Amino acid sequence: MKVINLFTKYFLALLLIQGFIGVVLDSTSFKNAGMNSASRKARFVGKWAMILGAILYILRWVVVS
């Protein structure tokens, strides 16, 4: 279970920041540029990065405890 120990609060923070940037900044800049498909994809990837980060952090907390 050495891999599960990599998902610390710092990793969670990185994924949350990455997801926030994807959802808010990238998707709006793509939408303003008329790239609606890329905007939807950036929003999708950003949301899933945040969800995946939270799931992995909770999973680490459950397994290690």
PDB file of N, CA and C in Angstrom:
ATOM      1  N   MET A   1       0.807  -1.199   0.000  1.00  0.00           N
ATOM      2  CA  MET A   1       0.000   0.000   0.000  1.00  0.00           C
ATOM      3  C   MET A   1       0.853   1.268   0.000  1.00  0.00           C
ATOM      4  N   LYS A   2       2.040   1.201  -0.553  1.00  0.00           N
ATOM      5  CA  LYS A   2       2.892   2.388  -0.573  1.00  0.00           C
ATOM      6  C   LYS A   2       2.339   3.469  -1.492  1.00  0.00           C
ATOM      7  N   VAL A   3       1.649   3.068  -2.557  1.00  0.00           N
ATOM      8  CA  VAL A   3       1.126   4.046  -3.508  1.00  0.00           C
ATOM      9  C   VAL A   3       0.029   4.888  -2.865  1.00  0.00           C
ATOM     10  N   ILE A   4      -0.808   4.294  -2.063  1.00  0.00           N
ATOM     11  CA  ILE A   4      -1.913   5.021  -1.437  1.00  0.00           C
ATOM     12  C   ILE A   4      -1.399   6.105  -0.491  1.00  0.00           C
ATOM     13  N   ASN A   5      -0.193   5.950   0.024  1.00  0.00           N
ATOM     14  CA  ASN A   5       0.368   6.960   0.920  1.00  0.00           C
ATOM     15  C   ASN A   5       0.795   8.227   0.192  1.00  0.00           C
ATOM     16  N   LEU A   6       0.790   8.219  -1.132  1.00  0.00           N
ATOM     17  CA  LEU A   6       1.156   9.407  -1.897  1.00  0.00           C
ATOM     18  C   LEU A   6       0.045  10.458  -1.918  1.00  0.00           C
ATOM     19  N   PHE A   7      -1.176  10.068  -1.633  1.00  0.00           N
ATOM     20  CA  PHE A   7      -2.312  10.969  -1.738  1.00  0.00           C
ATOM     21  C   PHE A   7      -2.529  11.718  -0.424  1.00  0.00           C
ATOM     22  N   THR A   8      -1.633  12.641  -0.148  1.00  0.00           N
ATOM     23  CA  THR A   8      -1.680  13.423   1.085  1.00  0.00           C
ATOM     24  C   THR A   8      -2.483  14.701   0.861  1.00  0.00           C
ATOM     25  N   LYS A   9      -2.519  15.539   1.889  1.00  0.00           N
ATOM     26  CA  LYS A   9      -3.262  16.791   1.766  1.00  0.00           C
ATOM     27  C   LYS A   9      -2.622  17.722   0.739  1.00  0.00           C
ATOM     28  N   TYR A  10      -1.328  17.590   0.505  1.00  0.00           N
ATOM     29  CA  TYR A  10      -0.669  18.421  -0.505  1.00  0.00           C
ATOM     30  C   TYR A  10      -1.102  18.008  -1.903  1.00  0.00           C
ATOM     31  N   PHE A  11      -1.222  16.708  -2.129  1.00  0.00           N
ATOM     32  CA  PHE A  11      -1.708  16.205  -3.413  1.00  0.00           C
ATOM     33  C   PHE A  11      -3.154  16.637  -3.628  1.00  0.00           C
ATOM     34  N   LEU A  12      -3.952  16.579  -2.573  1.00  0.00           N
ATOM     35  CA  LEU A  12      -5.337  17.033  -2.658  1.00  0.00           C
ATOM     36  C   LEU A  12      -5.391  18.514  -3.015  1.00  0.00           C
ATOM     37  N   ALA A  13      -4.549  19.312  -2.376  1.00  0.00           N
ATOM     38  CA  ALA A  13      -4.523  20.748  -2.670  1.00  0.00           C
ATOM     39  C   ALA A  13      -4.133  21.005  -4.118  1.00  0.00           C
ATOM     40  N   LEU A  14      -3.158  20.266  -4.627  1.00  0.00           N
ATOM     41  CA  LEU A  14      -2.751  20.433  -6.022  1.00  0.00           C
ATOM     42  C   LEU A  14      -3.882  20.093  -6.983  1.00  0.00           C
ATOM     43  N   LEU A  15      -4.593  19.003  -6.727  1.00  0.00           N
ATOM     44  CA  LEU A  15      -5.692  18.630  -7.612  1.00  0.00           C
ATOM     45  C   LEU A  15      -6.853  19.612  -7.512  1.00  0.00           C
ATOM     46  N   LEU A  16      -7.110  20.135  -6.324  1.00  0.00           N
ATOM     47  CA  LEU A  16      -8.178  21.122  -6.186  1.00  0.00           C
ATOM     48  C   LEU A  16      -7.829  22.418  -6.914  1.00  0.00           C
ATOM     49  N   ILE A  17      -6.575  22.837  -6.821  1.00  0.00           N
ATOM     50  CA  ILE A  17      -6.140  24.043  -7.534  1.00  0.00           C
ATOM     51  C   ILE A  17      -6.210  23.821  -9.035  1.00  0.00           C
ATOM     52  N   GLN A  18      -5.730  22.669  -9.490  1.00  0.00           N
ATOM     53  CA  GLN A  18      -5.777  22.347 -10.915  1.00  0.00           C
ATOM     54  C   GLN A  18      -7.222  22.310 -11.413  1.00  0.00           C
ATOM     55  N   GLY A  19      -8.100  21.691 -10.649  1.00  0.00           N
ATOM     56  CA  GLY A  19      -9.502  21.621 -11.035  1.00  0.00           C
ATOM     57  C   GLY A  19     -10.155  22.986 -11.068  1.00  0.00           C
ATOM     58  N   PHE A  20      -9.842  23.819 -10.090  1.00  0.00           N
ATOM     59  CA  PHE A  20     -10.393  25.173 -10.052  1.00  0.00           C
ATOM     60  C   PHE A  20      -9.949  25.974 -11.267  1.00  0.00           C
ATOM     61  N   ILE A  21      -8.677  25.865 -11.610  1.00  0.00           N
ATOM     62  CA  ILE A  21      -8.163  26.581 -12.781  1.00  0.00           C
ATOM     63  C   ILE A  21      -8.852  26.088 -14.043  1.00  0.00           C
ATOM     64  N   GLY A  22      -9.038  24.782 -14.153  1.00  0.00           N
ATOM     65  CA  GLY A  22      -9.708  24.227 -15.328  1.00  0.00           C
ATOM     66  C   GLY A  22     -11.154  24.659 -15.432  1.00  0.00           C
ATOM     67  N   VAL A  23     -11.846  24.634 -14.308  1.00  0.00           N
ATOM     68  CA  VAL A  23     -13.276  24.959 -14.317  1.00  0.00           C
ATOM     69  C   VAL A  23     -13.503  26.450 -14.518  1.00  0.00           C
ATOM     70  N   VAL A  24     -12.779  27.265 -13.803  1.00  0.00           N
ATOM     71  CA  VAL A  24     -13.069  28.700 -13.813  1.00  0.00           C
ATOM     72  C   VAL A  24     -12.290  29.441 -14.897  1.00  0.00           C
ATOM     73  N   LEU A  25     -10.987  29.353 -14.858  1.00  0.00           N
ATOM     74  CA  LEU A  25     -10.178  30.188 -15.744  1.00  0.00           C
ATOM     75  C   LEU A  25     -10.132  29.670 -17.178  1.00  0.00           C
ATOM     76  N   ASP A  26      -9.802  28.393 -17.342  1.00  0.00           N
ATOM     77  CA  ASP A  26      -9.664  27.852 -18.691  1.00  0.00           C
ATOM     78  C   ASP A  26     -10.991  27.816 -19.433  1.00  0.00           C
ATOM     79  N   SER A  27     -12.034  27.349 -18.755  1.00  0.00           N
ATOM     80  CA  SER A  27     -13.314  27.223 -19.455  1.00  0.00           C
ATOM     81  C   SER A  27     -13.859  28.587 -19.879  1.00  0.00           C
ATOM     82  N   THR A  28     -13.691  29.607 -19.046  1.00  0.00           N
ATOM     83  CA  THR A  28     -14.183  30.931 -19.439  1.00  0.00           C
ATOM     84  C   THR A  28     -13.349  31.536 -20.561  1.00  0.00           C
ATOM     85  N   SER A  29     -12.039  31.316 -20.530  1.00  0.00           N
ATOM     86  CA  SER A  29     -11.221  31.861 -21.617  1.00  0.00           C
ATOM     87  C   SER A  29     -11.514  31.144 -22.930  1.00  0.00           C
ATOM     88  N   PHE A  30     -11.759  29.842 -22.868  1.00  0.00           N
ATOM     89  CA  PHE A  30     -12.134  29.118 -24.083  1.00  0.00           C
ATOM     90  C   PHE A  30     -13.494  29.582 -24.595  1.00  0.00           C
ATOM     91  N   LYS A  31     -14.421  29.811 -23.689  1.00  0.00           N
ATOM     92  CA  LYS A  31     -15.756  30.248 -24.093  1.00  0.00           C
ATOM     93  C   LYS A  31     -15.702  31.634 -24.726  1.00  0.00           C
ATOM     94  N   ASN A  32     -14.891  32.520 -24.165  1.00  0.00           N
ATOM     95  CA  ASN A  32     -14.751  33.868 -24.729  1.00  0.00           C
ATOM     96  C   ASN A  32     -14.095  33.839 -26.099  1.00  0.00           C
ATOM     97  N   ALA A  33     -13.252  32.835 -26.346  1.00  0.00           N
ATOM     98  CA  ALA A  33     -12.587  32.708 -27.642  1.00  0.00           C
ATOM     99  C   ALA A  33     -13.460  31.988 -28.661  1.00  0.00           C
ATOM    100  N   GLY A  34     -14.647  31.568 -28.257  1.00  0.00           N
ATOM    101  CA  GLY A  34     -15.549  30.889 -29.175  1.00  0.00           C
ATOM    102  C   GLY A  34     -15.291  29.399 -29.302  1.00  0.00           C
ATOM    103  N   MET A  35     -14.499  28.857 -28.404  1.00  0.00           N
ATOM    104  CA  MET A  35     -14.173  27.429 -28.434  1.00  0.00           C
ATOM    105  C   MET A  35     -15.059  26.709 -27.414  1.00  0.00           C
ATOM    106  N   ASN A  36     -16.332  26.563 -27.745  1.00  0.00           N
ATOM    107  CA  ASN A  36     -17.299  26.011 -26.797  1.00  0.00           C
ATOM    108  C   ASN A  36     -17.021  24.552 -26.463  1.00  0.00           C
ATOM    109  N   SER A  37     -16.568  23.787 -27.431  1.00  0.00           N
ATOM    110  CA  SER A  37     -16.266  22.376 -27.181  1.00  0.00           C
ATOM    111  C   SER A  37     -15.106  22.247 -26.196  1.00  0.00           C
ATOM    112  N   ALA A  38     -14.071  23.037 -26.384  1.00  0.00           N
ATOM    113  CA  ALA A  38     -12.928  23.009 -25.471  1.00  0.00           C
ATOM    114  C   ALA A  38     -13.327  23.517 -24.089  1.00  0.00           C
ATOM    115  N   SER A  39     -14.256  24.462 -24.041  1.00  0.00           N
ATOM    116  CA  SER A  39     -14.735  24.978 -22.760  1.00  0.00           C
ATOM    117  C   SER A  39     -15.442  23.887 -21.964  1.00  0.00           C
ATOM    118  N   ARG A  40     -16.310  23.129 -22.630  1.00  0.00           N
ATOM    119  CA  ARG A  40     -17.008  22.026 -21.955  1.00  0.00           C
ATOM    120  C   ARG A  40     -16.031  20.967 -21.488  1.00  0.00           C
ATOM    121  N   LYS A  41     -15.037  20.654 -22.319  1.00  0.00           N
ATOM    122  CA  LYS A  41     -14.048  19.636 -21.955  1.00  0.00           C
ATOM    123  C   LYS A  41     -13.193  20.092 -20.777  1.00  0.00           C
ATOM    124  N   ALA A  42     -12.803  21.353 -20.755  1.00  0.00           N
ATOM    125  CA  ALA A  42     -12.006  21.878 -19.645  1.00  0.00           C
ATOM    126  C   ALA A  42     -12.803  21.842 -18.353  1.00  0.00           C
ATOM    127  N   ARG A  43     -14.078  22.178 -18.432  1.00  0.00           N
ATOM    128  CA  ARG A  43     -14.935  22.130 -17.248  1.00  0.00           C
ATOM    129  C   ARG A  43     -15.090  20.692 -16.750  1.00  0.00           C
ATOM    130  N   PHE A  44     -15.265  19.749 -17.675  1.00  0.00           N
ATOM    131  CA  PHE A  44     -15.409  18.334 -17.320  1.00  0.00           C
ATOM    132  C   PHE A  44     -14.143  17.803 -16.653  1.00  0.00           C
ATOM    133  N   VAL A  45     -12.995  18.071 -17.257  1.00  0.00           N
ATOM    134  CA  VAL A  45     -11.724  17.586 -16.706  1.00  0.00           C
ATOM    135  C   VAL A  45     -11.439  18.235 -15.354  1.00  0.00           C
ATOM    136  N   GLY A  46     -11.723  19.517 -15.223  1.00  0.00           N
ATOM    137  CA  GLY A  46     -11.502  20.206 -13.955  1.00  0.00           C
ATOM    138  C   GLY A  46     -12.356  19.660 -12.830  1.00  0.00           C
ATOM    139  N   LYS A  47     -13.620  19.410 -13.127  1.00  0.00           N
ATOM    140  CA  LYS A  47     -14.507  18.847 -12.100  1.00  0.00           C
ATOM    141  C   LYS A  47     -14.042  17.462 -11.685  1.00  0.00           C
ATOM    142  N   TRP A  48     -13.669  16.640 -12.658  1.00  0.00           N
ATOM    143  CA  TRP A  48     -13.235  15.284 -12.327  1.00  0.00           C
ATOM    144  C   TRP A  48     -11.897  15.268 -11.613  1.00  0.00           C
ATOM    145  N   ALA A  49     -11.042  16.237 -11.853  1.00  0.00           N
ATOM    146  CA  ALA A  49      -9.778  16.313 -11.115  1.00  0.00           C
ATOM    147  C   ALA A  49     -10.054  16.582  -9.641  1.00  0.00           C
ATOM    148  N   MET A  50     -10.999  17.472  -9.367  1.00  0.00           N
ATOM    149  CA  MET A  50     -11.343  17.763  -7.978  1.00  0.00           C
ATOM    150  C   MET A  50     -12.027  16.572  -7.308  1.00  0.00           C
ATOM    151  N   ILE A  51     -12.930  15.929  -8.020  1.00  0.00           N
ATOM    152  CA  ILE A  51     -13.629  14.765  -7.462  1.00  0.00           C
ATOM    153  C   ILE A  51     -12.661  13.628  -7.206  1.00  0.00           C
ATOM    154  N   LEU A  52     -11.792  13.351  -8.171  1.00  0.00           N
ATOM    155  CA  LEU A  52     -10.822  12.271  -8.022  1.00  0.00           C
ATOM    156  C   LEU A  52      -9.863  12.548  -6.869  1.00  0.00           C
ATOM    157  N   GLY A  53      -9.430  13.791  -6.729  1.00  0.00           N
ATOM    158  CA  GLY A  53      -8.552  14.146  -5.618  1.00  0.00           C
ATOM    159  C   GLY A  53      -9.209  13.903  -4.272  1.00  0.00           C
ATOM    160  N   ALA A  54     -10.473  14.290  -4.150  1.00  0.00           N
ATOM    161  CA  ALA A  54     -11.193  14.081  -2.890  1.00  0.00           C
ATOM    162  C   ALA A  54     -11.389  12.595  -2.608  1.00  0.00           C
ATOM    163  N   ILE A  55     -11.732  11.826  -3.630  1.00  0.00           N
ATOM    164  CA  ILE A  55     -11.931  10.383  -3.445  1.00  0.00           C
ATOM    165  C   ILE A  55     -10.637   9.708  -3.019  1.00  0.00           C
ATOM    166  N   LEU A  56      -9.540  10.037  -3.673  1.00  0.00           N
ATOM    167  CA  LEU A  56      -8.264   9.412  -3.328  1.00  0.00           C
ATOM    168  C   LEU A  56      -7.805   9.805  -1.926  1.00  0.00           C
ATOM    169  N   TYR A  57      -8.048  11.044  -1.536  1.00  0.00           N
ATOM    170  CA  TYR A  57      -7.675  11.476  -0.189  1.00  0.00           C
ATOM    171  C   TYR A  57      -8.501  10.743   0.865  1.00  0.00           C
ATOM    172  N   ILE A  58      -9.795  10.627   0.633  1.00  0.00           N
ATOM    173  CA  ILE A  58     -10.656   9.910   1.578  1.00  0.00           C
ATOM    174  C   ILE A  58     -10.285   8.437   1.618  1.00  0.00           C
ATOM    175  N   LEU A  59      -9.993   7.855   0.465  1.00  0.00           N
ATOM    176  CA  LEU A  59      -9.587   6.451   0.411  1.00  0.00           C
ATOM    177  C   LEU A  59      -8.303   6.228   1.190  1.00  0.00           C
ATOM    178  N   ARG A  60      -7.354   7.142   1.073  1.00  0.00           N
ATOM    179  CA  ARG A  60      -6.110   7.037   1.839  1.00  0.00           C
ATOM    180  C   ARG A  60      -6.398   7.100   3.332  1.00  0.00           C
ATOM    181  N   TRP A  61      -7.274   8.019   3.720  1.00  0.00           N
ATOM    182  CA  TRP A  61      -7.615   8.179   5.129  1.00  0.00           C
ATOM    183  C   TRP A  61      -8.267   6.908   5.683  1.00  0.00           C
ATOM    184  N   VAL A  62      -9.125   6.266   4.879  1.00  0.00           N
ATOM    185  CA  VAL A  62      -9.809   5.046   5.316  1.00  0.00           C
ATOM    186  C   VAL A  62      -8.839   3.876   5.396  1.00  0.00           C
ATOM    187  N   VAL A  63      -7.961   3.730   4.405  1.00  0.00           N
ATOM    188  CA  VAL A  63      -7.055   2.582   4.346  1.00  0.00           C
ATOM    189  C   VAL A  63      -5.961   2.686   5.402  1.00  0.00           C
ATOM    190  N   VAL A  64      -5.393   3.861   5.592  1.00  0.00           N
ATOM    191  CA  VAL A  64      -4.277   4.028   6.519  1.00  0.00           C
ATOM    192  C   VAL A  64      -4.755   3.952   7.965  1.00  0.00           C
ATOM    193  N   SER A  65      -5.948   4.436   8.237  1.00  0.00           N
ATOM    194  CA  SER A  65      -6.456   4.438   9.624  1.00  0.00           C
ATOM    195  C   SER A  65      -6.749   3.066  10.142  1.00  0.00           C
TER     196      SER A  65
END
